[in-house]
Amino acid sequence: MKAKIFLISIVIISILVSCDKKSDDFIPSDDFIPSQENISEIKVNDMDYKIISISFSDENNGIETLYNVLTSIILKTTDGGKTWNESVNTPNASLIREIYMKAPNEFFANCAVTGIFRTVDSGITWTKVNYTGGFSSMYFLNSNTGFLCEWGGGNINKSDDGGDSWTKISTDEGGVTDFIFVNNQEGYAYSGYVFSGFAGGFFTSGCIKKTTDEGNSWVNLTAAPSGEGIASMDFDKNGTIYAATCRGNIYSTQDGGNSWKLLKQFNDQYKPTYIAISGKKIYTSNGSYIYVTSNQFKNNQKVFSITQGNRENYIYKVIKVSEKKIIFVTLYSIIIVEN
């Protein structure tokens, strides 16, 4: 069955009404909408399908897998997520837990029970990867060097041959669920929340690990806000690292993770918070809302509320496709933020 995809474009443009400010330190509340944000929501029309995983190799090319009871389908986009088509075969007729797009025609699929498969021809053919188990997240620094964390929040594995083979690098307690790299040498692996799709999501023991040697070794950052679980991380052009937790808090570090500062506490402390940075703007999500700040959370303005309909829906992931393009992922839609 082909999933019907349609686009609801919501460009939020609100005109700020001038008023007599009685002081120069007026700060808008979280409900104050900024003058202009370019946001589009793309929904999956078939109400029975959920978005399980999504990945982009560049601003135009992306892939997502949808799930309905015992069926997985793969959709691909070549226009930055505006339209999607079901032109990709699923490997081994398996249920797909995670998918990662390394290049426009090359991607990896983590299949339940059967393991990891790889295609280099946009899904026409699939090859089983020589690896036992699955992955919660995958990240490639370049065409050869890549990392995966084991399914459910596990050990870090590294590949030096483009994903043909994998070697365990980190085997201590405190498994990870995702990665970010500031440059080719410095990177961070973190854990806190895994979205499985089949049964919602689950929390893991939170931690942040750091590498300064291209991922060959990793150390635990003991000062990190790991007790809350880390849902997402990002960094700005000044080298400041940001961490959004599973308890609705935002932290930052300017010394490589040796010390952290609490920047923001969201009211909903029971929903994972996600963060992505575009230029001077910091976008965050909490539950079903997206916010933006350009002054380090002195004010944090609500700019979007996802469509609920007659079912539960919430944001469970953020993808920083580029400096100008961010994608927030919900159970039934993706929200594209462009600057």
C-alpha atoms as a PDB file:
ATOM      1  CA  MET A   1       0.000   0.000   0.000  1.00  0.00           C
ATOM      2  CA  LYS A   2       1.331   3.393  -0.862  1.00  0.00           C
ATOM      3  CA  ALA A   3       1.261   5.950   1.842  1.00  0.00           C
ATOM      4  CA  LYS A   4      -0.322   9.148   0.674  1.00  0.00           C
ATOM      5  CA  ILE A   5       1.674  12.159   1.606  1.00  0.00           C
ATOM      6  CA  PHE A   6       0.439  15.680   1.505  1.00  0.00           C
ATOM      7  CA  LEU A   7       1.923  18.982   2.526  1.00  0.00           C
ATOM      8  CA  ILE A   8       0.451  21.484   4.889  1.00  0.00           C
ATOM      9  CA  SER A   9       2.610  24.556   4.760  1.00  0.00           C
ATOM     10  CA  ILE A  10       2.366  26.775   7.719  1.00  0.00           C
ATOM     11  CA  VAL A  11       4.409  29.907   7.488  1.00  0.00           C
ATOM     12  CA  ILE A  12       3.945  31.741  10.714  1.00  0.00           C
ATOM     13  CA  ILE A  13       4.097  35.451  10.135  1.00  0.00           C
ATOM     14  CA  SER A  14       2.766  37.597  12.893  1.00  0.00           C
ATOM     15  CA  ILE A  15       3.017  41.333  13.021  1.00  0.00           C
ATOM     16  CA  LEU A  16       4.220  42.657  16.297  1.00  0.00           C
ATOM     17  CA  VAL A  17       1.813  45.245  17.538  1.00  0.00           C
ATOM     18  CA  SER A  18       3.604  48.306  18.782  1.00  0.00           C
ATOM     19  CA  CYS A  19       2.801  49.355  22.280  1.00  0.00           C
ATOM     20  CA  ASP A  20       4.025  51.691  24.962  1.00  0.00           C
ATOM     21  CA  LYS A  21       6.660  49.811  26.888  1.00  0.00           C
ATOM     22  CA  LYS A  22       6.965  51.129  30.381  1.00  0.00           C
ATOM     23  CA  SER A  23      10.523  49.852  30.710  1.00  0.00           C
ATOM     24  CA  ASP A  24      13.360  48.759  28.455  1.00  0.00           C
ATOM     25  CA  ASP A  25      13.601  45.339  30.053  1.00  0.00           C
ATOM     26  CA  PHE A  26      10.285  44.009  28.744  1.00  0.00           C
ATOM     27  CA  ILE A  27      10.682  40.267  28.051  1.00  0.00           C
ATOM     28  CA  PRO A  28       7.988  38.378  26.095  1.00  0.00           C
ATOM     29  CA  SER A  29       6.612  35.179  27.589  1.00  0.00           C
ATOM     30  CA  ASP A  30       6.965  31.726  26.028  1.00  0.00           C
ATOM     31  CA  ASP A  31       3.624  32.303  24.251  1.00  0.00           C
ATOM     32  CA  PHE A  32       4.837  35.408  22.430  1.00  0.00           C
ATOM     33  CA  ILE A  33       5.213  34.621  18.695  1.00  0.00           C
ATOM     34  CA  PRO A  34       8.168  36.258  16.885  1.00  0.00           C
ATOM     35  CA  SER A  35       7.819  38.402  13.794  1.00  0.00           C
ATOM     36  CA  GLN A  36       8.641  35.732  11.208  1.00  0.00           C
ATOM     37  CA  GLU A  37       9.459  32.043  11.131  1.00  0.00           C
ATOM     38  CA  ASN A  38       9.372  29.809   8.045  1.00  0.00           C
ATOM     39  CA  ILE A  39       7.912  26.485   9.188  1.00  0.00           C
ATOM     40  CA  SER A  40       6.245  23.723   7.165  1.00  0.00           C
ATOM     41  CA  GLU A  41       4.505  20.604   8.475  1.00  0.00           C
ATOM     42  CA  ILE A  42       4.380  17.533   6.240  1.00  0.00           C
ATOM     43  CA  LYS A  43       1.889  14.930   7.402  1.00  0.00           C
ATOM     44  CA  VAL A  44       1.474  11.253   6.633  1.00  0.00           C
ATOM     45  CA  ASN A  45      -2.051  10.987   5.289  1.00  0.00           C
ATOM     46  CA  ASP A  46      -2.591   7.348   6.236  1.00  0.00           C
ATOM     47  CA  MET A  47      -3.569   7.590   9.911  1.00  0.00           C
ATOM     48  CA  ASP A  48      -2.507   3.983  10.576  1.00  0.00           C
ATOM     49  CA  TYR A  49       1.180   4.581   9.856  1.00  0.00           C
ATOM     50  CA  LYS A  50       3.717   6.047  12.253  1.00  0.00           C
ATOM     51  CA  ILE A  51       7.098   7.502  11.366  1.00  0.00           C
ATOM     52  CA  ILE A  52       9.620   5.155  12.950  1.00  0.00           C
ATOM     53  CA  SER A  53      12.884   6.606  11.686  1.00  0.00           C
ATOM     54  CA  ILE A  54      14.098   9.330   9.335  1.00  0.00           C
ATOM     55  CA  SER A  55      17.480  10.402   7.967  1.00  0.00           C
ATOM     56  CA  PHE A  56      18.882  12.964   5.507  1.00  0.00           C
ATOM     57  CA  SER A  57      22.205  12.859   3.646  1.00  0.00           C
ATOM     58  CA  ASP A  58      21.905  16.496   2.507  1.00  0.00           C
ATOM     59  CA  GLU A  59      19.309  19.277   2.244  1.00  0.00           C
ATOM     60  CA  ASN A  60      17.406  17.527  -0.575  1.00  0.00           C
ATOM     61  CA  ASN A  61      17.750  13.775  -0.097  1.00  0.00           C
ATOM     62  CA  GLY A  62      16.116  11.953   2.772  1.00  0.00           C
ATOM     63  CA  ILE A  63      14.531   8.650   3.700  1.00  0.00           C
ATOM     64  CA  GLU A  64      11.983   7.555   6.286  1.00  0.00           C
ATOM     65  CA  THR A  65      10.446   4.302   7.383  1.00  0.00           C
ATOM     66  CA  LEU A  66       6.786   3.997   8.426  1.00  0.00           C
ATOM     67  CA  TYR A  67       5.214   1.298  10.535  1.00  0.00           C
ATOM     68  CA  ASN A  68       1.705  -0.114  10.786  1.00  0.00           C
ATOM     69  CA  VAL A  69       1.098  -3.113  13.057  1.00  0.00           C
ATOM     70  CA  LEU A  70       3.318  -5.697  11.299  1.00  0.00           C
ATOM     71  CA  THR A  71       4.254  -3.799   8.138  1.00  0.00           C
ATOM     72  CA  SER A  72       7.129  -1.424   7.353  1.00  0.00           C
ATOM     73  CA  ILE A  73       7.424   0.751   4.262  1.00  0.00           C
ATOM     74  CA  ILE A  74      10.244   3.046   3.160  1.00  0.00           C
ATOM     75  CA  LEU A  75       9.639   6.464   1.606  1.00  0.00           C
ATOM     76  CA  LYS A  76      12.217   8.671  -0.100  1.00  0.00           C
ATOM     77  CA  THR A  77      12.364  12.406  -0.805  1.00  0.00           C
ATOM     78  CA  THR A  78      14.552  14.328  -3.255  1.00  0.00           C
ATOM     79  CA  ASP A  79      13.081  17.787  -2.605  1.00  0.00           C
ATOM     80  CA  GLY A  80      13.985  18.299   1.026  1.00  0.00           C
ATOM     81  CA  GLY A  81      10.963  16.538   2.504  1.00  0.00           C
ATOM     82  CA  LYS A  82       8.189  18.382   0.679  1.00  0.00           C
ATOM     83  CA  THR A  83       7.050  15.219  -1.123  1.00  0.00           C
ATOM     84  CA  TRP A  84       7.712  11.542  -0.466  1.00  0.00           C
ATOM     85  CA  ASN A  85       7.276   8.446  -2.639  1.00  0.00           C
ATOM     86  CA  GLU A  86       7.305   4.738  -1.921  1.00  0.00           C
ATOM     87  CA  SER A  87       9.973   3.676  -4.416  1.00  0.00           C
ATOM     88  CA  VAL A  88      12.239   1.756  -2.053  1.00  0.00           C
ATOM     89  CA  ASN A  89      11.998  -1.978  -1.394  1.00  0.00           C
ATOM     90  CA  THR A  90      12.266  -3.123   2.199  1.00  0.00           C
ATOM     91  CA  PRO A  91      15.077  -5.596   2.923  1.00  0.00           C
ATOM     92  CA  ASN A  92      14.045  -9.178   3.544  1.00  0.00           C
ATOM     93  CA  ALA A  93      10.413  -8.106   4.123  1.00  0.00           C
ATOM     94  CA  SER A  94      11.471  -7.147   7.635  1.00  0.00           C
ATOM     95  CA  LEU A  95      10.165  -4.696  10.195  1.00  0.00           C
ATOM     96  CA  ILE A  96      12.583  -1.761  10.213  1.00  0.00           C
ATOM     97  CA  ARG A  97      13.518  -0.154  13.526  1.00  0.00           C
ATOM     98  CA  GLU A  98      16.027   2.436  12.297  1.00  0.00           C
ATOM     99  CA  ILE A  99      17.290   3.752   8.980  1.00  0.00           C
ATOM    100  CA  TYR A 100      20.323   5.871   8.092  1.00  0.00           C
ATOM    101  CA  MET A 101      21.032   7.628   4.786  1.00  0.00           C
ATOM    102  CA  LYS A 102      24.784   7.866   4.181  1.00  0.00           C
ATOM    103  CA  ALA A 103      24.453   9.165   0.593  1.00  0.00           C
ATOM    104  CA  PRO A 104      21.508   9.786  -1.779  1.00  0.00           C
ATOM    105  CA  ASN A 105      21.593   6.166  -3.014  1.00  0.00           C
ATOM    106  CA  GLU A 106      23.255   4.469  -0.023  1.00  0.00           C
ATOM    107  CA  PHE A 107      21.560   3.703   3.276  1.00  0.00           C
ATOM    108  CA  PHE A 108      21.502   1.230   6.156  1.00  0.00           C
ATOM    109  CA  ALA A 109      18.429  -0.390   7.713  1.00  0.00           C
ATOM    110  CA  ASN A 110      18.208  -1.971  11.160  1.00  0.00           C
ATOM    111  CA  CYS A 111      15.709  -4.797  10.777  1.00  0.00           C
ATOM    112  CA  ALA A 112      14.053  -6.520  13.709  1.00  0.00           C
ATOM    113  CA  VAL A 113      15.401 -10.050  14.210  1.00  0.00           C
ATOM    114  CA  THR A 114      17.341 -10.183  10.916  1.00  0.00           C
ATOM    115  CA  GLY A 115      19.972  -7.472  11.638  1.00  0.00           C
ATOM    116  CA  ILE A 116      21.510  -4.653   9.571  1.00  0.00           C
ATOM    117  CA  PHE A 117      21.160  -4.411   5.788  1.00  0.00           C
ATOM    118  CA  ARG A 118      22.773  -2.004   3.335  1.00  0.00           C
ATOM    119  CA  THR A 119      21.857  -0.740  -0.131  1.00  0.00           C
ATOM    120  CA  VAL A 120      23.941   1.276  -2.597  1.00  0.00           C
ATOM    121  CA  ASP A 121      21.255   1.497  -5.312  1.00  0.00           C
ATOM    122  CA  SER A 122      18.395   3.223  -3.456  1.00  0.00           C
ATOM    123  CA  GLY A 123      16.897  -0.016  -2.169  1.00  0.00           C
ATOM    124  CA  ILE A 124      16.719  -2.040  -5.381  1.00  0.00           C
ATOM    125  CA  THR A 125      19.020  -4.591  -3.770  1.00  0.00           C
ATOM    126  CA  TRP A 126      20.089  -5.092  -0.138  1.00  0.00           C
ATOM    127  CA  THR A 127      23.123  -6.833   1.374  1.00  0.00           C
ATOM    128  CA  LYS A 128      23.403  -8.155   4.929  1.00  0.00           C
ATOM    129  CA  VAL A 129      26.078  -6.328   6.931  1.00  0.00           C
ATOM    130  CA  ASN A 130      28.617  -8.469   8.784  1.00  0.00           C
ATOM    131  CA  TYR A 131      27.494  -7.374  12.228  1.00  0.00           C
ATOM    132  CA  THR A 132      25.568  -9.124  14.984  1.00  0.00           C
ATOM    133  CA  GLY A 133      22.700  -7.050  16.355  1.00  0.00           C
ATOM    134  CA  GLY A 134      21.114  -3.739  15.379  1.00  0.00           C
ATOM    135  CA  PHE A 135      21.647  -0.023  15.879  1.00  0.00           C
ATOM    136  CA  SER A 136      19.797   2.820  17.587  1.00  0.00           C
ATOM    137  CA  SER A 137      21.802   5.451  15.730  1.00  0.00           C
ATOM    138  CA  MET A 138      24.475   5.688  13.046  1.00  0.00           C
ATOM    139  CA  TYR A 139      26.821   8.550  12.128  1.00  0.00           C
ATOM    140  CA  PHE A 140      29.471   8.896   9.403  1.00  0.00           C
ATOM    141  CA  LEU A 141      32.234  11.496   9.607  1.00  0.00           C
ATOM    142  CA  ASN A 142      33.216  10.819   5.994  1.00  0.00           C
ATOM    143  CA  SER A 143      32.792   8.093   3.400  1.00  0.00           C
ATOM    144  CA  ASN A 144      34.934   5.649   5.394  1.00  0.00           C
ATOM    145  CA  THR A 145      34.707   6.531   9.100  1.00  0.00           C
ATOM    146  CA  GLY A 146      31.403   5.781  10.797  1.00  0.00           C
ATOM    147  CA  PHE A 147      29.932   4.971  14.202  1.00  0.00           C
ATOM    148  CA  LEU A 148      26.910   3.096  15.449  1.00  0.00           C
ATOM    149  CA  CYS A 149      25.443   2.581  18.881  1.00  0.00           C
ATOM    150  CA  GLU A 150      23.878  -0.773  19.583  1.00  0.00           C
ATOM    151  CA  TRP A 151      20.110  -1.056  19.574  1.00  0.00           C
ATOM    152  CA  GLY A 152      18.434   0.054  22.789  1.00  0.00           C
ATOM    153  CA  GLY A 153      21.310   2.219  23.996  1.00  0.00           C
ATOM    154  CA  GLY A 154      24.474   0.175  23.890  1.00  0.00           C
ATOM    155  CA  ASN A 155      28.147   0.099  23.070  1.00  0.00           C
ATOM    156  CA  ILE A 156      29.896   2.287  20.496  1.00  0.00           C
ATOM    157  CA  ASN A 157      31.115   0.540  17.339  1.00  0.00           C
ATOM    158  CA  LYS A 158      33.374   2.045  14.677  1.00  0.00           C
ATOM    159  CA  SER A 159      33.851   1.335  10.991  1.00  0.00           C
ATOM    160  CA  ASP A 160      36.889   2.395   8.948  1.00  0.00           C
ATOM    161  CA  ASP A 161      35.739   0.835   5.680  1.00  0.00           C
ATOM    162  CA  GLY A 162      32.498   2.642   4.947  1.00  0.00           C
ATOM    163  CA  GLY A 163      30.285   0.326   6.998  1.00  0.00           C
ATOM    164  CA  ASP A 164      31.409  -3.085   5.680  1.00  0.00           C
ATOM    165  CA  SER A 165      32.746  -4.104   9.098  1.00  0.00           C
ATOM    166  CA  TRP A 166      32.404  -2.793  12.655  1.00  0.00           C
ATOM    167  CA  THR A 167      34.587  -2.952  15.780  1.00  0.00           C
ATOM    168  CA  LYS A 168      33.506  -2.327  19.364  1.00  0.00           C
ATOM    169  CA  ILE A 169      35.229   0.742  20.819  1.00  0.00           C
ATOM    170  CA  SER A 170      33.339   1.379  24.066  1.00  0.00           C
ATOM    171  CA  THR A 171      32.241  -1.588  26.151  1.00  0.00           C
ATOM    172  CA  ASP A 172      31.733  -0.065  29.614  1.00  0.00           C
ATOM    173  CA  GLU A 173      28.420   0.599  31.329  1.00  0.00           C
ATOM    174  CA  GLY A 174      26.270   3.512  30.224  1.00  0.00           C
ATOM    175  CA  GLY A 175      25.417   2.780  26.615  1.00  0.00           C
ATOM    176  CA  VAL A 176      24.747   5.591  24.140  1.00  0.00           C
ATOM    177  CA  THR A 177      21.912   6.380  21.744  1.00  0.00           C
ATOM    178  CA  ASP A 178      23.250   9.118  19.422  1.00  0.00           C
ATOM    179  CA  PHE A 179      26.281  11.146  18.281  1.00  0.00           C
ATOM    180  CA  ILE A 180      27.409  14.630  17.327  1.00  0.00           C
ATOM    181  CA  PHE A 181      30.849  15.694  16.077  1.00  0.00           C
ATOM    182  CA  VAL A 182      32.191  19.250  16.375  1.00  0.00           C
ATOM    183  CA  ASN A 183      35.013  18.404  13.956  1.00  0.00           C
ATOM    184  CA  ASN A 184      36.807  15.299  12.676  1.00  0.00           C
ATOM    185  CA  GLN A 185      38.521  14.765  16.033  1.00  0.00           C
ATOM    186  CA  GLU A 186      36.111  15.996  18.721  1.00  0.00           C
ATOM    187  CA  GLY A 187      32.790  14.257  19.155  1.00  0.00           C
ATOM    188  CA  TYR A 188      30.166  13.417  21.765  1.00  0.00           C
ATOM    189  CA  ALA A 189      28.056  10.306  22.281  1.00  0.00           C
ATOM    190  CA  TYR A 190      25.055  10.537  24.577  1.00  0.00           C
ATOM    191  CA  SER A 191      22.071   8.597  25.844  1.00  0.00           C
ATOM    192  CA  GLY A 192      18.720   9.208  27.444  1.00  0.00           C
ATOM    193  CA  TYR A 193      15.809   8.338  25.172  1.00  0.00           C
ATOM    194  CA  VAL A 194      15.203   5.723  22.477  1.00  0.00           C
ATOM    195  CA  PHE A 195      12.123   5.879  20.260  1.00  0.00           C
ATOM    196  CA  SER A 196      11.267   2.345  19.149  1.00  0.00           C
ATOM    197  CA  GLY A 197       8.040   3.107  17.318  1.00  0.00           C
ATOM    198  CA  PHE A 198       6.544  -0.310  17.981  1.00  0.00           C
ATOM    199  CA  ALA A 199       5.827   0.506  21.615  1.00  0.00           C
ATOM    200  CA  GLY A 200       6.573   4.218  21.848  1.00  0.00           C
ATOM    201  CA  GLY A 201       9.895   5.080  23.461  1.00  0.00           C
ATOM    202  CA  PHE A 202      11.904   4.209  26.514  1.00  0.00           C
ATOM    203  CA  PHE A 203      14.485   5.935  28.677  1.00  0.00           C
ATOM    204  CA  THR A 204      18.034   4.736  29.193  1.00  0.00           C
ATOM    205  CA  SER A 205      20.622   5.554  31.834  1.00  0.00           C
ATOM    206  CA  GLY A 206      21.835   8.967  30.757  1.00  0.00           C
ATOM    207  CA  CYS A 207      25.477   9.707  29.988  1.00  0.00           C
ATOM    208  CA  ILE A 208      27.743  11.805  27.767  1.00  0.00           C
ATOM    209  CA  LYS A 209      30.996  10.413  26.378  1.00  0.00           C
ATOM    210  CA  LYS A 210      33.653  12.442  24.570  1.00  0.00           C
ATOM    211  CA  THR A 211      36.342  11.648  22.016  1.00  0.00           C
ATOM    212  CA  THR A 212      39.235  13.813  20.868  1.00  0.00           C
ATOM    213  CA  ASP A 213      40.914  11.239  18.593  1.00  0.00           C
ATOM    214  CA  GLU A 214      38.360  10.615  15.814  1.00  0.00           C
ATOM    215  CA  GLY A 215      36.389   8.171  17.929  1.00  0.00           C
ATOM    216  CA  ASN A 216      39.161   5.699  18.692  1.00  0.00           C
ATOM    217  CA  SER A 217      38.663   6.189  22.443  1.00  0.00           C
ATOM    218  CA  TRP A 218      35.875   7.670  24.565  1.00  0.00           C
ATOM    219  CA  VAL A 219      35.748   9.004  28.126  1.00  0.00           C
ATOM    220  CA  ASN A 220      32.751   9.667  30.366  1.00  0.00           C
ATOM    221  CA  LEU A 221      32.040  13.297  31.236  1.00  0.00           C
ATOM    222  CA  THR A 222      31.307  13.023  34.927  1.00  0.00           C
ATOM    223  CA  ALA A 223      30.220  16.674  35.250  1.00  0.00           C
ATOM    224  CA  ALA A 224      27.548  16.328  32.549  1.00  0.00           C
ATOM    225  CA  PRO A 225      23.823  16.512  33.450  1.00  0.00           C
ATOM    226  CA  SER A 226      23.571  12.789  32.779  1.00  0.00           C
ATOM    227  CA  GLY A 227      21.177  11.960  35.605  1.00  0.00           C
ATOM    228  CA  GLU A 228      18.315  13.431  33.590  1.00  0.00           C
ATOM    229  CA  GLY A 229      19.104  11.572  30.375  1.00  0.00           C
ATOM    230  CA  ILE A 230      20.225  13.433  27.242  1.00  0.00           C
ATOM    231  CA  ALA A 231      17.665  13.625  24.422  1.00  0.00           C
ATOM    232  CA  SER A 232      19.746  15.710  21.982  1.00  0.00           C
ATOM    233  CA  MET A 233      22.895  17.828  21.665  1.00  0.00           C
ATOM    234  CA  ASP A 234      24.176  20.518  19.304  1.00  0.00           C
ATOM    235  CA  PHE A 235      26.889  23.196  19.117  1.00  0.00           C
ATOM    236  CA  ASP A 236      27.195  26.747  17.798  1.00  0.00           C
ATOM    237  CA  LYS A 237      29.906  28.470  15.769  1.00  0.00           C
ATOM    238  CA  ASN A 238      31.603  29.689  18.946  1.00  0.00           C
ATOM    239  CA  GLY A 239      32.177  26.145  20.133  1.00  0.00           C
ATOM    240  CA  THR A 240      29.528  26.167  22.864  1.00  0.00           C
ATOM    241  CA  ILE A 241      27.966  22.725  23.332  1.00  0.00           C
ATOM    242  CA  TYR A 242      24.275  22.441  24.251  1.00  0.00           C
ATOM    243  CA  ALA A 243      22.466  19.483  25.811  1.00  0.00           C
ATOM    244  CA  ALA A 244      18.680  19.039  26.011  1.00  0.00           C
ATOM    245  CA  THR A 245      17.516  16.513  28.579  1.00  0.00           C
ATOM    246  CA  CYS A 246      14.667  14.070  28.976  1.00  0.00           C
ATOM    247  CA  ARG A 247      13.402  16.165  31.887  1.00  0.00           C
ATOM    248  CA  GLY A 248      12.817  19.390  29.985  1.00  0.00           C
ATOM    249  CA  ASN A 249      16.079  21.205  30.779  1.00  0.00           C
ATOM    250  CA  ILE A 250      18.674  22.905  28.546  1.00  0.00           C
ATOM    251  CA  TYR A 251      22.353  23.061  29.540  1.00  0.00           C
ATOM    252  CA  SER A 252      25.483  24.486  27.914  1.00  0.00           C
ATOM    253  CA  THR A 253      29.236  24.061  28.293  1.00  0.00           C
ATOM    254  CA  GLN A 254      32.036  26.269  27.010  1.00  0.00           C
ATOM    255  CA  ASP A 255      34.949  24.139  28.205  1.00  0.00           C
ATOM    256  CA  GLY A 256      34.363  20.904  26.356  1.00  0.00           C
ATOM    257  CA  GLY A 257      32.055  19.381  28.939  1.00  0.00           C
ATOM    258  CA  ASN A 258      34.050  19.926  32.119  1.00  0.00           C
ATOM    259  CA  SER A 259      31.348  22.212  33.548  1.00  0.00           C
ATOM    260  CA  TRP A 260      27.722  22.885  32.586  1.00  0.00           C
ATOM    261  CA  LYS A 261      25.290  25.770  33.029  1.00  0.00           C
ATOM    262  CA  LEU A 262      21.498  25.433  33.264  1.00  0.00           C
ATOM    263  CA  LEU A 263      19.958  27.772  30.669  1.00  0.00           C
ATOM    264  CA  LYS A 264      16.269  26.844  30.569  1.00  0.00           C
ATOM    265  CA  GLN A 265      13.692  24.747  32.417  1.00  0.00           C
ATOM    266  CA  PHE A 266      10.523  23.872  30.529  1.00  0.00           C
ATOM    267  CA  ASN A 267       7.245  23.528  32.378  1.00  0.00           C
ATOM    268  CA  ASP A 268       6.662  19.999  31.096  1.00  0.00           C
ATOM    269  CA  GLN A 269       9.384  18.081  32.906  1.00  0.00           C
ATOM    270  CA  TYR A 270       8.102  14.700  31.683  1.00  0.00           C
ATOM    271  CA  LYS A 271       8.725  15.136  27.948  1.00  0.00           C
ATOM    272  CA  PRO A 272      12.123  14.870  26.240  1.00  0.00           C
ATOM    273  CA  THR A 273      13.425  18.212  25.003  1.00  0.00           C
ATOM    274  CA  TYR A 274      15.247  18.594  21.686  1.00  0.00           C
ATOM    275  CA  ILE A 275      17.613  21.315  20.494  1.00  0.00           C
ATOM    276  CA  ALA A 276      19.113  22.488  17.183  1.00  0.00           C
ATOM    277  CA  ILE A 277      20.982  25.679  16.339  1.00  0.00           C
ATOM    278  CA  SER A 278      20.719  27.756  13.177  1.00  0.00           C
ATOM    279  CA  GLY A 279      23.018  30.784  13.125  1.00  0.00           C
ATOM    280  CA  LYS A 280      22.162  32.927  16.128  1.00  0.00           C
ATOM    281  CA  LYS A 281      18.845  31.154  16.707  1.00  0.00           C
ATOM    282  CA  ILE A 282      18.391  28.234  19.088  1.00  0.00           C
ATOM    283  CA  TYR A 283      15.344  26.070  18.337  1.00  0.00           C
ATOM    284  CA  THR A 284      13.979  23.748  20.997  1.00  0.00           C
ATOM    285  CA  SER A 285      10.952  21.497  21.356  1.00  0.00           C
ATOM    286  CA  ASN A 286       9.091  20.232  24.394  1.00  0.00           C
ATOM    287  CA  GLY A 287       6.104  17.944  23.989  1.00  0.00           C
ATOM    288  CA  SER A 288       4.106  19.280  21.043  1.00  0.00           C
ATOM    289  CA  TYR A 289       5.613  22.793  20.848  1.00  0.00           C
ATOM    290  CA  ILE A 290       8.600  24.358  19.104  1.00  0.00           C
ATOM    291  CA  TYR A 291      10.330  27.452  20.514  1.00  0.00           C
ATOM    292  CA  VAL A 292      13.078  29.818  19.361  1.00  0.00           C
ATOM    293  CA  THR A 293      15.463  32.153  21.155  1.00  0.00           C
ATOM    294  CA  SER A 294      18.198  34.425  19.833  1.00  0.00           C
ATOM    295  CA  ASN A 295      19.404  35.710  23.207  1.00  0.00           C
ATOM    296  CA  GLN A 296      20.394  32.610  25.176  1.00  0.00           C
ATOM    297  CA  PHE A 297      16.896  32.007  26.590  1.00  0.00           C
ATOM    298  CA  LYS A 298      16.390  35.434  28.111  1.00  0.00           C
ATOM    299  CA  ASN A 299      13.166  35.018  26.218  1.00  0.00           C
ATOM    300  CA  ASN A 300      12.004  31.823  24.549  1.00  0.00           C
ATOM    301  CA  GLN A 301       9.242  32.312  22.004  1.00  0.00           C
ATOM    302  CA  LYS A 302       6.732  29.642  21.003  1.00  0.00           C
ATOM    303  CA  VAL A 303       6.579  29.460  17.198  1.00  0.00           C
ATOM    304  CA  PHE A 304       4.746  26.237  16.397  1.00  0.00           C
ATOM    305  CA  SER A 305       2.264  23.711  17.779  1.00  0.00           C
ATOM    306  CA  ILE A 306       2.058  20.340  16.035  1.00  0.00           C
ATOM    307  CA  THR A 307      -1.214  18.951  14.733  1.00  0.00           C
ATOM    308  CA  GLN A 308      -2.846  16.575  17.191  1.00  0.00           C
ATOM    309  CA  GLY A 309      -6.096  15.480  15.558  1.00  0.00           C
ATOM    310  CA  ASN A 310      -7.859  12.666  17.405  1.00  0.00           C
ATOM    311  CA  ARG A 311      -4.667  10.834  18.437  1.00  0.00           C
ATOM    312  CA  GLU A 312      -1.657  11.423  20.639  1.00  0.00           C
ATOM    313  CA  ASN A 313       1.212  13.100  18.846  1.00  0.00           C
ATOM    314  CA  TYR A 314       4.492  14.547  20.065  1.00  0.00           C
ATOM    315  CA  ILE A 315       7.994  15.444  18.902  1.00  0.00           C
ATOM    316  CA  TYR A 316      10.486  12.625  19.480  1.00  0.00           C
ATOM    317  CA  LYS A 317      13.520  13.640  17.417  1.00  0.00           C
ATOM    318  CA  VAL A 318      15.325  16.566  15.771  1.00  0.00           C
ATOM    319  CA  ILE A 319      17.624  16.453  12.743  1.00  0.00           C
ATOM    320  CA  LYS A 320      19.991  19.290  11.912  1.00  0.00           C
ATOM    321  CA  VAL A 321      20.216  18.814   8.160  1.00  0.00           C
ATOM    322  CA  SER A 322      22.326  21.952   7.676  1.00  0.00           C
ATOM    323  CA  GLU A 323      22.944  25.346   9.257  1.00  0.00           C
ATOM    324  CA  LYS A 324      19.831  26.607   7.490  1.00  0.00           C
ATOM    325  CA  LYS A 325      17.537  23.597   7.740  1.00  0.00           C
ATOM    326  CA  ILE A 326      16.217  21.778  10.822  1.00  0.00           C
ATOM    327  CA  ILE A 327      13.627  18.991  10.944  1.00  0.00           C
ATOM    328  CA  PHE A 328      11.586  18.063  14.011  1.00  0.00           C
ATOM    329  CA  VAL A 329       9.993  14.599  13.837  1.00  0.00           C
ATOM    330  CA  THR A 330       6.644  13.547  15.307  1.00  0.00           C
ATOM    331  CA  LEU A 331       4.731  10.274  15.157  1.00  0.00           C
ATOM    332  CA  TYR A 332       2.763  11.390  12.088  1.00  0.00           C
ATOM    333  CA  SER A 333       4.586  14.356  10.553  1.00  0.00           C
ATOM    334  CA  ILE A 334       7.837  16.218  10.094  1.00  0.00           C
ATOM    335  CA  ILE A 335       8.208  19.935  10.778  1.00  0.00           C
ATOM    336  CA  ILE A 336      10.757  21.732   8.599  1.00  0.00           C
ATOM    337  CA  VAL A 337      12.324  24.946   9.881  1.00  0.00           C
ATOM    338  CA  GLU A 338      14.243  26.951   7.269  1.00  0.00           C
ATOM    339  CA  ASN A 339      16.311  30.106   7.675  1.00  0.00           C
END
